[in-house]
Every structure is written in C-alpha cells, then in structure tokens.
PDB file of N, CA and C in Angstrom:
ATOM      1  N   MET A   1    -228.989 172.962  43.044  1.00  0.00           N
ATOM      2  CA  MET A   1    -227.895 172.450  42.241  1.00  0.00           C
ATOM      3  C   MET A   1    -226.585 172.477  43.030  1.00  0.00           C
ATOM      4  N   LYS A   2    -226.680 172.333  44.340  1.00  0.00           N
ATOM      5  CA  LYS A   2    -225.464 172.418  45.144  1.00  0.00           C
ATOM      6  C   LYS A   2    -224.459 171.336  44.757  1.00  0.00           C
ATOM      7  N   PHE A   3    -224.923 170.167  44.369  1.00  0.00           N
ATOM      8  CA  PHE A   3    -223.988 169.110  43.990  1.00  0.00           C
ATOM      9  C   PHE A   3    -223.250 169.448  42.701  1.00  0.00           C
ATOM     10  N   PHE A   4    -223.952 170.095  41.764  1.00  0.00           N
ATOM     11  CA  PHE A   4    -223.299 170.510  40.530  1.00  0.00           C
ATOM     12  C   PHE A   4    -222.234 171.557  40.833  1.00  0.00           C
ATOM     13  N   ASP A   5    -222.591 172.551  41.627  1.00  0.00           N
ATOM     14  CA  ASP A   5    -221.624 173.590  42.000  1.00  0.00           C
ATOM     15  C   ASP A   5    -220.422 172.991  42.721  1.00  0.00           C
ATOM     16  N   ASN A   6    -220.675 172.032  43.591  1.00  0.00           N
ATOM     17  CA  ASN A   6    -219.584 171.368  44.302  1.00  0.00           C
ATOM     18  C   ASN A   6    -218.681 170.623  43.323  1.00  0.00           C
ATOM     19  N   LEU A   7    -219.274 169.927  42.379  1.00  0.00           N
ATOM     20  CA  LEU A   7    -218.489 169.192  41.389  1.00  0.00           C
ATOM     21  C   LEU A   7    -217.654 170.148  40.539  1.00  0.00           C
ATOM     22  N   VAL A   8    -218.214 171.285  40.174  1.00  0.00           N
ATOM     23  CA  VAL A   8    -217.462 172.288  39.412  1.00  0.00           C
ATOM     24  C   VAL A   8    -216.267 172.775  40.225  1.00  0.00           C
ATOM     25  N   ASN A   9    -216.479 173.026  41.508  1.00  0.00           N
ATOM     26  CA  ASN A   9    -215.368 173.462  42.361  1.00  0.00           C
ATOM     27  C   ASN A   9    -214.265 172.406  42.447  1.00  0.00           C
ATOM     28  N   ILE A  10    -214.639 171.157  42.565  1.00  0.00           N
ATOM     29  CA  ILE A  10    -213.654 170.074  42.601  1.00  0.00           C
ATOM     30  C   ILE A  10    -212.911 170.009  41.264  1.00  0.00           C
ATOM     31  N   ALA A  11    -213.643 170.175  40.160  1.00  0.00           N
ATOM     32  CA  ALA A  11    -213.015 170.139  38.836  1.00  0.00           C
ATOM     33  C   ALA A  11    -212.021 171.293  38.682  1.00  0.00           C
ATOM     34  N   HIS A  12    -212.344 172.460  39.217  1.00  0.00           N
ATOM     35  CA  HIS A  12    -211.403 173.587  39.182  1.00  0.00           C
ATOM     36  C   HIS A  12    -210.124 173.228  39.946  1.00  0.00           C
ATOM     37  N   ARG A  13    -210.268 172.593  41.092  1.00  0.00           N
ATOM     38  CA  ARG A  13    -209.081 172.180  41.868  1.00  0.00           C
ATOM     39  C   ARG A  13    -208.241 171.191  41.076  1.00  0.00           C
ATOM     40  N   LYS A  14    -208.910 170.237  40.430  1.00  0.00           N
ATOM     41  CA  LYS A  14    -208.182 169.238  39.652  1.00  0.00           C
ATOM     42  C   LYS A  14    -207.508 169.882  38.446  1.00  0.00           C
ATOM     43  N   ASN A  15    -208.178 170.868  37.844  1.00  0.00           N
ATOM     44  CA  ASN A  15    -207.610 171.558  36.700  1.00  0.00           C
ATOM     45  C   ASN A  15    -206.284 172.215  37.061  1.00  0.00           C
ATOM     46  N   LEU A  16    -206.204 172.798  38.236  1.00  0.00           N
ATOM     47  CA  LEU A  16    -204.937 173.390  38.696  1.00  0.00           C
ATOM     48  C   LEU A  16    -203.854 172.324  38.811  1.00  0.00           C
ATOM     49  N   PHE A  17    -204.220 171.176  39.349  1.00  0.00           N
ATOM     50  CA  PHE A  17    -203.281 170.068  39.481  1.00  0.00           C
ATOM     51  C   PHE A  17    -202.830 169.564  38.109  1.00  0.00           C
ATOM     52  N   ASP A  18    -203.768 169.454  37.182  1.00  0.00           N
ATOM     53  CA  ASP A  18    -203.458 168.940  35.847  1.00  0.00           C
ATOM     54  C   ASP A  18    -202.449 169.809  35.104  1.00  0.00           C
ATOM     55  N   GLN A  19    -202.440 171.092  35.392  1.00  0.00           N
ATOM     56  CA  GLN A  19    -201.537 171.994  34.693  1.00  0.00           C
ATOM     57  C   GLN A  19    -200.066 171.700  34.980  1.00  0.00           C
ATOM     58  N   THR A  20    -199.797 171.012  36.060  1.00  0.00           N
ATOM     59  CA  THR A  20    -198.412 170.673  36.405  1.00  0.00           C
ATOM     60  C   THR A  20    -198.165 169.168  36.339  1.00  0.00           C
ATOM     61  N   ASN A  21    -199.112 168.436  35.816  1.00  0.00           N
ATOM     62  CA  ASN A  21    -199.007 166.984  35.788  1.00  0.00           C
ATOM     63  C   ASN A  21    -198.660 166.511  34.375  1.00  0.00           C
ATOM     64  N   PRO A  22    -197.586 165.760  34.219  1.00  0.00           N
ATOM     65  CA  PRO A  22    -197.145 165.365  32.871  1.00  0.00           C
ATOM     66  C   PRO A  22    -198.074 164.388  32.149  1.00  0.00           C
ATOM     67  N   TRP A  23    -198.964 163.720  32.845  1.00  0.00           N
ATOM     68  CA  TRP A  23    -199.840 162.761  32.172  1.00  0.00           C
ATOM     69  C   TRP A  23    -200.922 163.462  31.354  1.00  0.00           C
ATOM     70  N   SER A  24    -201.233 164.706  31.696  1.00  0.00           N
ATOM     71  CA  SER A  24    -202.343 165.399  31.054  1.00  0.00           C
ATOM     72  C   SER A  24    -201.937 165.980  29.701  1.00  0.00           C
ATOM     73  N   ASN A  25    -202.773 165.743  28.698  1.00  0.00           N
ATOM     74  CA  ASN A  25    -202.602 166.350  27.377  1.00  0.00           C
ATOM     75  C   ASN A  25    -203.708 167.358  27.118  1.00  0.00           C
ATOM     76  N   GLY A  26    -204.161 168.013  28.176  1.00  0.00           N
ATOM     77  CA  GLY A  26    -205.200 169.027  28.035  1.00  0.00           C
ATOM     78  C   GLY A  26    -206.508 168.461  27.548  1.00  0.00           C
ATOM     79  N   SER A  27    -207.169 169.199  26.680  1.00  0.00           N
ATOM     80  CA  SER A  27    -208.510 168.827  26.235  1.00  0.00           C
ATOM     81  C   SER A  27    -208.557 167.463  25.553  1.00  0.00           C
ATOM     82  N   SER A  28    -207.513 167.101  24.831  1.00  0.00           N
ATOM     83  CA  SER A  28    -207.539 165.802  24.137  1.00  0.00           C
ATOM     84  C   SER A  28    -207.626 164.640  25.126  1.00  0.00           C
ATOM     85  N   THR A  29    -207.054 164.812  26.308  1.00  0.00           N
ATOM     86  CA  THR A  29    -207.160 163.782  27.355  1.00  0.00           C
ATOM     87  C   THR A  29    -208.631 163.526  27.677  1.00  0.00           C
ATOM     88  N   TYR A  30    -209.385 164.603  27.843  1.00  0.00           N
ATOM     89  CA  TYR A  30    -210.781 164.456  28.269  1.00  0.00           C
ATOM     90  C   TYR A  30    -211.694 164.035  27.134  1.00  0.00           C
ATOM     91  N   ILE A  31    -211.377 164.414  25.925  1.00  0.00           N
ATOM     92  CA  ILE A  31    -212.178 163.954  24.793  1.00  0.00           C
ATOM     93  C   ILE A  31    -212.112 162.432  24.700  1.00  0.00           C
ATOM     94  N   GLU A  32    -210.925 161.892  24.851  1.00  0.00           N
ATOM     95  CA  GLU A  32    -210.769 160.429  24.817  1.00  0.00           C
ATOM     96  C   GLU A  32    -211.492 159.766  25.982  1.00  0.00           C
ATOM     97  N   GLU A  33    -211.400 160.375  27.152  1.00  0.00           N
ATOM     98  CA  GLU A  33    -212.073 159.802  28.326  1.00  0.00           C
ATOM     99  C   GLU A  33    -213.592 159.834  28.160  1.00  0.00           C
ATOM    100  N   ILE A  34    -214.120 160.902  27.598  1.00  0.00           N
ATOM    101  CA  ILE A  34    -215.565 160.993  27.389  1.00  0.00           C
ATOM    102  C   ILE A  34    -216.031 159.870  26.465  1.00  0.00           C
ATOM    103  N   LYS A  35    -215.277 159.620  25.412  1.00  0.00           N
ATOM    104  CA  LYS A  35    -215.634 158.527  24.488  1.00  0.00           C
ATOM    105  C   LYS A  35    -215.715 157.199  25.239  1.00  0.00           C
ATOM    106  N   LYS A  36    -214.731 156.931  26.083  1.00  0.00           N
ATOM    107  CA  LYS A  36    -214.724 155.679  26.855  1.00  0.00           C
ATOM    108  C   LYS A  36    -215.902 155.620  27.820  1.00  0.00           C
ATOM    109  N   GLU A  37    -216.143 156.725  28.498  1.00  0.00           N
ATOM    110  CA  GLU A  37    -217.208 156.745  29.500  1.00  0.00           C
ATOM    111  C   GLU A  37    -218.591 156.611  28.866  1.00  0.00           C
ATOM    112  N   VAL A  38    -218.804 157.197  27.703  1.00  0.00           N
ATOM    113  CA  VAL A  38    -220.095 157.051  27.029  1.00  0.00           C
ATOM    114  C   VAL A  38    -220.320 155.582  26.672  1.00  0.00           C
ATOM    115  N   GLN A  39    -219.271 154.898  26.250  1.00  0.00           N
ATOM    116  CA  GLN A  39    -219.396 153.470  25.970  1.00  0.00           C
ATOM    117  C   GLN A  39    -219.762 152.696  27.236  1.00  0.00           C
ATOM    118  N   GLU A  40    -219.160 153.081  28.353  1.00  0.00           N
ATOM    119  CA  GLU A  40    -219.485 152.417  29.622  1.00  0.00           C
ATOM    120  C   GLU A  40    -220.930 152.702  30.034  1.00  0.00           C
ATOM    121  N   VAL A  41    -221.430 153.905  29.743  1.00  0.00           N
ATOM    122  CA  VAL A  41    -222.843 154.205  30.013  1.00  0.00           C
ATOM    123  C   VAL A  41    -223.726 153.266  29.195  1.00  0.00           C
ATOM    124  N   ALA A  42    -223.418 153.109  27.925  1.00  0.00           N
ATOM    125  CA  ALA A  42    -224.210 152.218  27.067  1.00  0.00           C
ATOM    126  C   ALA A  42    -224.207 150.793  27.613  1.00  0.00           C
ATOM    127  N   GLU A  43    -223.061 150.351  28.077  1.00  0.00           N
ATOM    128  CA  GLU A  43    -222.960 149.001  28.646  1.00  0.00           C
ATOM    129  C   GLU A  43    -223.805 148.871  29.912  1.00  0.00           C
ATOM    130  N   GLU A  44    -223.812 149.900  30.739  1.00  0.00           N
ATOM    131  CA  GLU A  44    -224.596 149.842  31.972  1.00  0.00           C
ATOM    132  C   GLU A  44    -226.091 149.942  31.707  1.00  0.00           C
ATOM    133  N   ILE A  45    -226.476 150.654  30.660  1.00  0.00           N
ATOM    134  CA  ILE A  45    -227.897 150.686  30.302  1.00  0.00           C
ATOM    135  C   ILE A  45    -228.346 149.265  29.981  1.00  0.00           C
ATOM    136  N   ALA A  46    -227.531 148.549  29.230  1.00  0.00           N
ATOM    137  CA  ALA A  46    -227.867 147.169  28.866  1.00  0.00           C
ATOM    138  C   ALA A  46    -227.882 146.244  30.090  1.00  0.00           C
ATOM    139  N   GLN A  47    -227.017 146.513  31.058  1.00  0.00           N
ATOM    140  CA  GLN A  47    -226.933 145.668  32.261  1.00  0.00           C
ATOM    141  C   GLN A  47    -228.081 145.948  33.243  1.00  0.00           C
ATOM    142  N   ASP A  48    -228.683 147.148  33.115  1.00  0.00           N
ATOM    143  CA  ASP A  48    -229.797 147.542  33.980  1.00  0.00           C
ATOM    144  C   ASP A  48    -229.398 147.551  35.465  1.00  0.00           C
ATOM    145  N   ARG A  49    -228.205 148.121  35.735  1.00  0.00           N
ATOM    146  CA  ARG A  49    -227.707 148.234  37.115  1.00  0.00           C
ATOM    147  C   ARG A  49    -227.653 149.725  37.472  1.00  0.00           C
ATOM    148  N   LYS A  50    -228.725 150.203  38.095  1.00  0.00           N
ATOM    149  CA  LYS A  50    -228.909 151.630  38.338  1.00  0.00           C
ATOM    150  C   LYS A  50    -227.723 152.297  39.041  1.00  0.00           C
ATOM    151  N   PRO A  51    -227.192 151.760  40.141  1.00  0.00           N
ATOM    152  CA  PRO A  51    -226.069 152.463  40.786  1.00  0.00           C
ATOM    153  C   PRO A  51    -224.849 152.599  39.873  1.00  0.00           C
ATOM    154  N   TYR A  52    -224.573 151.559  39.084  1.00  0.00           N
ATOM    155  CA  TYR A  52    -223.445 151.606  38.158  1.00  0.00           C
ATOM    156  C   TYR A  52    -223.699 152.618  37.043  1.00  0.00           C
ATOM    157  N   LEU A  53    -224.938 152.654  36.555  1.00  0.00           N
ATOM    158  CA  LEU A  53    -225.298 153.601  35.509  1.00  0.00           C
ATOM    159  C   LEU A  53    -225.146 155.043  36.007  1.00  0.00           C
ATOM    160  N   GLU A  54    -225.645 155.306  37.206  1.00  0.00           N
ATOM    161  CA  GLU A  54    -225.487 156.646  37.783  1.00  0.00           C
ATOM    162  C   GLU A  54    -224.011 156.999  37.931  1.00  0.00           C
ATOM    163  N   ASP A  55    -223.220 156.036  38.340  1.00  0.00           N
ATOM    164  CA  ASP A  55    -221.785 156.259  38.503  1.00  0.00           C
ATOM    165  C   ASP A  55    -221.122 156.596  37.163  1.00  0.00           C
ATOM    166  N   GLU A  56    -221.461 155.853  36.129  1.00  0.00           N
ATOM    167  CA  GLU A  56    -220.877 156.099  34.805  1.00  0.00           C
ATOM    168  C   GLU A  56    -221.351 157.427  34.221  1.00  0.00           C
ATOM    169  N   LEU A  57    -222.615 157.784  34.445  1.00  0.00           N
ATOM    170  CA  LEU A  57    -223.105 159.091  34.000  1.00  0.00           C
ATOM    171  C   LEU A  57    -222.343 160.211  34.710  1.00  0.00           C
ATOM    172  N   GLY A  58    -222.039 159.995  35.983  1.00  0.00           N
ATOM    173  CA  GLY A  58    -221.221 160.955  36.727  1.00  0.00           C
ATOM    174  C   GLY A  58    -219.835 161.088  36.128  1.00  0.00           C
ATOM    175  N   ASP A  59    -219.275 159.983  35.654  1.00  0.00           N
ATOM    176  CA  ASP A  59    -217.955 160.023  35.011  1.00  0.00           C
ATOM    177  C   ASP A  59    -217.990 160.850  33.723  1.00  0.00           C
ATOM    178  N   VAL A  60    -219.075 160.719  32.951  1.00  0.00           N
ATOM    179  CA  VAL A  60    -219.207 161.512  31.728  1.00  0.00           C
ATOM    180  C   VAL A  60    -219.264 163.000  32.090  1.00  0.00           C
ATOM    181  N   LEU A  61    -220.071 163.324  33.088  1.00  0.00           N
ATOM    182  CA  LEU A  61    -220.192 164.719  33.523  1.00  0.00           C
ATOM    183  C   LEU A  61    -218.844 165.243  34.016  1.00  0.00           C
ATOM    184  N   TRP A  62    -218.137 164.449  34.807  1.00  0.00           N
ATOM    185  CA  TRP A  62    -216.825 164.827  35.334  1.00  0.00           C
ATOM    186  C   TRP A  62    -215.838 165.120  34.207  1.00  0.00           C
ATOM    187  N   ASP A  63    -215.752 164.217  33.258  1.00  0.00           N
ATOM    188  CA  ASP A  63    -214.815 164.419  32.145  1.00  0.00           C
ATOM    189  C   ASP A  63    -215.233 165.592  31.273  1.00  0.00           C
ATOM    190  N   TYR A  64    -216.541 165.809  31.113  1.00  0.00           N
ATOM    191  CA  TYR A  64    -217.016 166.956  30.355  1.00  0.00           C
ATOM    192  C   TYR A  64    -216.592 168.257  31.045  1.00  0.00           C
ATOM    193  N   LEU A  65    -216.809 168.336  32.351  1.00  0.00           N
ATOM    194  CA  LEU A  65    -216.399 169.538  33.079  1.00  0.00           C
ATOM    195  C   LEU A  65    -214.900 169.775  32.942  1.00  0.00           C
ATOM    196  N   ASN A  66    -214.120 168.719  33.052  1.00  0.00           N
ATOM    197  CA  ASN A  66    -212.676 168.859  32.912  1.00  0.00           C
ATOM    198  C   ASN A  66    -212.284 169.272  31.500  1.00  0.00           C
ATOM    199  N   LEU A  67    -213.024 168.805  30.503  1.00  0.00           N
ATOM    200  CA  LEU A  67    -212.788 169.229  29.122  1.00  0.00           C
ATOM    201  C   LEU A  67    -213.024 170.728  28.976  1.00  0.00           C
ATOM    202  N   VAL A  68    -214.140 171.199  29.497  1.00  0.00           N
ATOM    203  CA  VAL A  68    -214.444 172.625  29.394  1.00  0.00           C
ATOM    204  C   VAL A  68    -213.373 173.454  30.102  1.00  0.00           C
ATOM    205  N   LEU A  69    -212.949 173.022  31.280  1.00  0.00           N
ATOM    206  CA  LEU A  69    -211.924 173.773  32.007  1.00  0.00           C
ATOM    207  C   LEU A  69    -210.593 173.764  31.257  1.00  0.00           C
ATOM    208  N   ALA A  70    -210.253 172.657  30.629  1.00  0.00           N
ATOM    209  CA  ALA A  70    -209.031 172.612  29.821  1.00  0.00           C
ATOM    210  C   ALA A  70    -209.149 173.566  28.637  1.00  0.00           C
ATOM    211  N   LEU A  71    -210.328 173.619  28.032  1.00  0.00           N
ATOM    212  CA  LEU A  71    -210.552 174.514  26.892  1.00  0.00           C
ATOM    213  C   LEU A  71    -210.597 175.981  27.311  1.00  0.00           C
ATOM    214  N   GLU A  72    -210.913 176.240  28.565  1.00  0.00           N
ATOM    215  CA  GLU A  72    -210.821 177.625  29.054  1.00  0.00           C
ATOM    216  C   GLU A  72    -209.396 178.125  28.877  1.00  0.00           C
ATOM    217  N   LYS A  73    -208.446 177.289  29.266  1.00  0.00           N
ATOM    218  CA  LYS A  73    -207.040 177.669  29.159  1.00  0.00           C
ATOM    219  C   LYS A  73    -206.577 177.667  27.698  1.00  0.00           C
ATOM    220  N   GLU A  74    -206.982 176.649  26.943  1.00  0.00           N
ATOM    221  CA  GLU A  74    -206.491 176.488  25.572  1.00  0.00           C
ATOM    222  C   GLU A  74    -207.146 177.430  24.571  1.00  0.00           C
ATOM    223  N   LYS A  75    -208.438 177.672  24.727  1.00  0.00           N
ATOM    224  CA  LYS A  75    -209.194 178.423  23.708  1.00  0.00           C
ATOM    225  C   LYS A  75    -209.889 179.668  24.248  1.00  0.00           C
ATOM    226  N   GLY A  76    -209.817 179.891  25.556  1.00  0.00           N
ATOM    227  CA  GLY A  76    -210.414 181.079  26.136  1.00  0.00           C
ATOM    228  C   GLY A  76    -211.927 181.039  26.310  1.00  0.00           C
ATOM    229  N   ILE A  77    -212.522 179.862  26.190  1.00  0.00           N
ATOM    230  CA  ILE A  77    -213.962 179.766  26.435  1.00  0.00           C
ATOM    231  C   ILE A  77    -214.191 179.772  27.952  1.00  0.00           C
ATOM    232  N   LYS A  78    -215.415 179.987  28.369  1.00  0.00           N
ATOM    233  CA  LYS A  78    -215.759 180.014  29.790  1.00  0.00           C
ATOM    234  C   LYS A  78    -216.919 179.064  30.056  1.00  0.00           C
ATOM    235  N   LEU A  79    -216.801 178.296  31.141  1.00  0.00           N
ATOM    236  CA  LEU A  79    -217.859 177.368  31.527  1.00  0.00           C
ATOM    237  C   LEU A  79    -219.192 178.101  31.667  1.00  0.00           C
ATOM    238  N   GLU A  80    -219.175 179.261  32.275  1.00  0.00           N
ATOM    239  CA  GLU A  80    -220.411 180.022  32.456  1.00  0.00           C
ATOM    240  C   GLU A  80    -221.051 180.341  31.102  1.00  0.00           C
ATOM    241  N   ASN A  81    -220.242 180.694  30.117  1.00  0.00           N
ATOM    242  CA  ASN A  81    -220.781 180.994  28.790  1.00  0.00           C
ATOM    243  C   ASN A  81    -221.349 179.750  28.123  1.00  0.00           C
ATOM    244  N   VAL A  82    -220.695 178.606  28.316  1.00  0.00           N
ATOM    245  CA  VAL A  82    -221.201 177.346  27.761  1.00  0.00           C
ATOM    246  C   VAL A  82    -222.577 177.042  28.359  1.00  0.00           C
ATOM    247  N   LEU A  83    -222.687 177.177  29.673  1.00  0.00           N
ATOM    248  CA  LEU A  83    -223.957 176.898  30.344  1.00  0.00           C
ATOM    249  C   LEU A  83    -225.036 177.904  29.935  1.00  0.00           C
ATOM    250  N   LYS A  84    -224.652 179.160  29.791  1.00  0.00           N
ATOM    251  CA  LYS A  84    -225.598 180.197  29.385  1.00  0.00           C
ATOM    252  C   LYS A  84    -226.113 179.913  27.976  1.00  0.00           C
ATOM    253  N   ARG A  85    -225.193 179.587  27.058  1.00  0.00           N
ATOM    254  CA  ARG A  85    -225.610 179.291  25.679  1.00  0.00           C
ATOM    255  C   ARG A  85    -226.518 178.067  25.627  1.00  0.00           C
ATOM    256  N   ALA A  86    -226.155 177.029  26.358  1.00  0.00           N
ATOM    257  CA  ALA A  86    -226.962 175.805  26.353  1.00  0.00           C
ATOM    258  C   ALA A  86    -228.354 176.080  26.922  1.00  0.00           C
ATOM    259  N   SER A  87    -228.405 176.866  27.981  1.00  0.00           N
ATOM    260  CA  SER A  87    -229.693 177.192  28.598  1.00  0.00           C
ATOM    261  C   SER A  87    -230.587 177.968  27.629  1.00  0.00           C
ATOM    262  N   ARG A  88    -230.022 178.972  26.978  1.00  0.00           N
ATOM    263  CA  ARG A  88    -230.803 179.758  26.014  1.00  0.00           C
ATOM    264  C   ARG A  88    -231.252 178.885  24.843  1.00  0.00           C
ATOM    265  N   LYS A  89    -230.300 178.104  24.319  1.00  0.00           N
ATOM    266  CA  LYS A  89    -230.585 177.280  23.142  1.00  0.00           C
ATOM    267  C   LYS A  89    -231.733 176.313  23.406  1.00  0.00           C
ATOM    268  N   TYR A  90    -231.645 175.586  24.499  1.00  0.00           N
ATOM    269  CA  TYR A  90    -232.652 174.553  24.743  1.00  0.00           C
ATOM    270  C   TYR A  90    -233.951 175.118  25.297  1.00  0.00           C
ATOM    271  N   GLU A  91    -233.894 176.260  25.960  1.00  0.00           N
ATOM    272  CA  GLU A  91    -235.129 176.931  26.355  1.00  0.00           C
ATOM    273  C   GLU A  91    -235.909 177.319  25.106  1.00  0.00           C
ATOM    274  N   GLU A  92    -235.201 177.874  24.131  1.00  0.00           N
ATOM    275  CA  GLU A  92    -235.849 178.280  22.885  1.00  0.00           C
ATOM    276  C   GLU A  92    -236.408 177.069  22.136  1.00  0.00           C
ATOM    277  N   ARG A  93    -235.659 176.000  22.094  1.00  0.00           N
ATOM    278  CA  ARG A  93    -236.124 174.808  21.369  1.00  0.00           C
ATOM    279  C   ARG A  93    -237.325 174.162  22.058  1.00  0.00           C
ATOM    280  N   VAL A  94    -237.238 174.009  23.374  1.00  0.00           N
ATOM    281  CA  VAL A  94    -238.341 173.364  24.093  1.00  0.00           C
ATOM    282  C   VAL A  94    -239.579 174.256  24.071  1.00  0.00           C
ATOM    283  N   SER A  95    -239.386 175.557  24.299  1.00  0.00           N
ATOM    284  CA  SER A  95    -240.520 176.478  24.227  1.00  0.00           C
ATOM    285  C   SER A  95    -241.151 176.445  22.840  1.00  0.00           C
ATOM    286  N   GLY A  96    -240.314 176.362  21.818  1.00  0.00           N
ATOM    287  CA  GLY A  96    -240.825 176.274  20.454  1.00  0.00           C
ATOM    288  C   GLY A  96    -241.668 175.042  20.254  1.00  0.00           C
ATOM    289  N   THR A  97    -241.177 173.919  20.717  1.00  0.00           N
ATOM    290  CA  THR A  97    -241.944 172.672  20.536  1.00  0.00           C
ATOM    291  C   THR A  97    -243.257 172.738  21.302  1.00  0.00           C
ATOM    292  N   GLU A  98    -243.227 173.362  22.467  1.00  0.00           N
ATOM    293  CA  GLU A  98    -244.464 173.513  23.243  1.00  0.00           C
ATOM    294  C   GLU A  98    -245.482 174.382  22.503  1.00  0.00           C
ATOM    295  N   LYS A  99    -245.001 175.249  21.639  1.00  0.00           N
ATOM    296  CA  LYS A  99    -245.876 176.125  20.852  1.00  0.00           C
ATOM    297  C   LYS A  99    -246.179 175.554  19.468  1.00  0.00           C
ATOM    298  N   GLY A 100    -245.698 174.340  19.208  1.00  0.00           N
ATOM    299  CA  GLY A 100    -245.983 173.697  17.933  1.00  0.00           C
ATOM    300  C   GLY A 100    -244.956 173.958  16.852  1.00  0.00           C
ATOM    301  N   ILE A 101    -243.844 174.590  17.189  1.00  0.00           N
ATOM    302  CA  ILE A 101    -242.780 174.835  16.213  1.00  0.00           C
ATOM    303  C   ILE A 101    -241.873 173.613  16.199  1.00  0.00           C
ATOM    304  N   LEU A 102    -241.533 173.155  15.017  1.00  0.00           N
ATOM    305  CA  LEU A 102    -240.676 171.972  14.909  1.00  0.00           C
ATOM    306  C   LEU A 102    -239.282 172.258  15.457  1.00  0.00           C
ATOM    307  N   TRP A 103    -238.736 171.286  16.171  1.00  0.00           N
ATOM    308  CA  TRP A 103    -237.384 171.373  16.715  1.00  0.00           C
ATOM    309  C   TRP A 103    -236.393 171.758  15.621  1.00  0.00           C
ATOM    310  N   LYS A 104    -236.561 171.121  14.470  1.00  0.00           N
ATOM    311  CA  LYS A 104    -235.674 171.350  13.333  1.00  0.00           C
ATOM    312  C   LYS A 104    -235.715 172.806  12.884  1.00  0.00           C
ATOM    313  N   GLU A 105    -236.895 173.402  12.876  1.00  0.00           N
ATOM    314  CA  GLU A 105    -237.028 174.803  12.470  1.00  0.00           C
ATOM    315  C   GLU A 105    -236.274 175.726  13.424  1.00  0.00           C
ATOM    316  N   THR A 106    -236.470 175.515  14.710  1.00  0.00           N
ATOM    317  CA  THR A 106    -235.787 176.335  15.709  1.00  0.00           C
ATOM    318  C   THR A 106    -234.287 176.141  15.604  1.00  0.00           C
ATOM    319  N   LYS A 107    -233.877 174.912  15.400  1.00  0.00           N
ATOM    320  CA  LYS A 107    -232.451 174.605  15.286  1.00  0.00           C
ATOM    321  C   LYS A 107    -231.832 175.336  14.087  1.00  0.00           C
ATOM    322  N   GLU A 108    -232.508 175.337  12.962  1.00  0.00           N
ATOM    323  CA  GLU A 108    -232.004 176.030  11.771  1.00  0.00           C
ATOM    324  C   GLU A 108    -231.890 177.534  12.021  1.00  0.00           C
ATOM    325  N   LYS A 109    -232.899 178.099  12.661  1.00  0.00           N
ATOM    326  CA  LYS A 109    -232.882 179.519  13.006  1.00  0.00           C
ATOM    327  C   LYS A 109    -231.683 179.827  13.908  1.00  0.00           C
ATOM    328  N   GLN A 110    -231.432 178.956  14.859  1.00  0.00           N
ATOM    329  CA  GLN A 110    -230.310 179.149  15.783  1.00  0.00           C
ATOM    330  C   GLN A 110    -228.971 179.029  15.061  1.00  0.00           C
ATOM    331  N   LYS A 111    -228.868 178.087  14.136  1.00  0.00           N
ATOM    332  CA  LYS A 111    -227.626 177.936  13.365  1.00  0.00           C
ATOM    333  C   LYS A 111    -227.326 179.200  12.562  1.00  0.00           C
ATOM    334  N   THR A 112    -228.352 179.773  11.975  1.00  0.00           N
ATOM    335  CA  THR A 112    -228.195 181.008  11.205  1.00  0.00           C
ATOM    336  C   THR A 112    -227.718 182.147  12.109  1.00  0.00           C
ATOM    337  N   ALA A 113    -228.320 182.254  13.281  1.00  0.00           N
ATOM    338  CA  ALA A 113    -227.931 183.305  14.231  1.00  0.00           C
ATOM    339  C   ALA A 113    -226.492 183.103  14.722  1.00  0.00           C
ATOM    340  N   LEU A 114    -226.120 181.860  14.939  1.00  0.00           N
ATOM    341  CA  LEU A 114    -224.757 181.556  15.385  1.00  0.00           C
ATOM    342  C   LEU A 114    -223.739 181.909  14.313  1.00  0.00           C
ATOM    343  N   ALA A 115    -224.056 181.577  13.070  1.00  0.00           N
ATOM    344  CA  ALA A 115    -223.161 181.920  11.957  1.00  0.00           C
ATOM    345  C   ALA A 115    -223.007 183.432  11.839  1.00  0.00           C
ATOM    346  N   LYS A 116    -224.097 184.166  12.032  1.00  0.00           N
ATOM    347  CA  LYS A 116    -224.046 185.629  11.980  1.00  0.00           C
ATOM    348  C   LYS A 116    -223.186 186.165  13.122  1.00  0.00           C
ATOM    349  N   GLU A 117    -223.367 185.623  14.313  1.00  0.00           N
ATOM    350  CA  GLU A 117    -222.570 186.031  15.478  1.00  0.00           C
ATOM    351  C   GLU A 117    -221.083 185.794  15.214  1.00  0.00           C
ATOM    352  N   TYR A 118    -220.774 184.634  14.676  1.00  0.00           N
ATOM    353  CA  TYR A 118    -219.375 184.301  14.381  1.00  0.00           C
ATOM    354  C   TYR A 118    -218.784 185.269  13.360  1.00  0.00           C
ATOM    355  N   LYS A 119    -219.547 185.528  12.327  1.00  0.00           N
ATOM    356  CA  LYS A 119    -219.096 186.420  11.250  1.00  0.00           C
ATOM    357  C   LYS A 119    -218.835 187.832  11.775  1.00  0.00           C
ATOM    358  N   GLU A 120    -219.660 188.270  12.709  1.00  0.00           N
ATOM    359  CA  GLU A 120    -219.530 189.620  13.261  1.00  0.00           C
ATOM    360  C   GLU A 120    -218.471 189.729  14.348  1.00  0.00           C
ATOM    361  N   SER A 121    -217.967 188.604  14.809  1.00  0.00           N
ATOM    362  CA  SER A 121    -216.959 188.670  15.890  1.00  0.00           C
ATOM    363  C   SER A 121    -215.544 188.834  15.379  1.00  0.00           C
TER     364      SER A 121
END
C-alpha cells in the first residue's frame, strides 16, 4: 500500500497549506468536491474510458482524505481511527456473509454496538 501511504503524506502536506489559504472552508470544501467527483465517476463509467475513470476515482479518494484531515482539526477525529473502524466493520460483515449471516443482521448488530459506545462516551 505504498501508494496509499504516499497519498496520505501528500494530503497531510496540503492540509498544512490549506490552513493558511483563504479559499478553503475546511470540511465543507471537500464535501462539495466529493459530490462533484462522484458525479464525474458516474459519467466516466458510462463513457467506458478506463484511464479517465481511474483518474476520477483517484480524485474521490484525494478529496476524501482531505475531508478526513480537515475533520481531524475541526472535530478531533483521526484518520487512523477511521481506517481501523472501517477495517473492523467490513471484516465482520464480510466474514459474517461468508458464514451465512445476512449483511443486514451484522449491520444491525454493529449499529447497536455503536450506539452503546456513543452512549458510554
């Protein structure tokens, strides 16, 4: 995953720059960009142009990383925690489906656990 790690490092550098740049509105900037980029991904899927599609998917990933980094400053979340939670969540869901447990069942169980975690925090 060296390319992912490299992209994260570049996003950290850009995040430092964004903190002093008047064009940036923090997380809301990236939420809007993600919406635009997802639309461009849909357009490229229809066009069936693989290099363009890969490029647009990269833009979604880039804006997502920048969103998370902006939210680190605004809300105190951590990219590592986001990745850890996603890894645990989807490992449990995929493992469940492999064992014949419905995705929906695992998802409901996870929602209950998340609500309990929130309540206890």
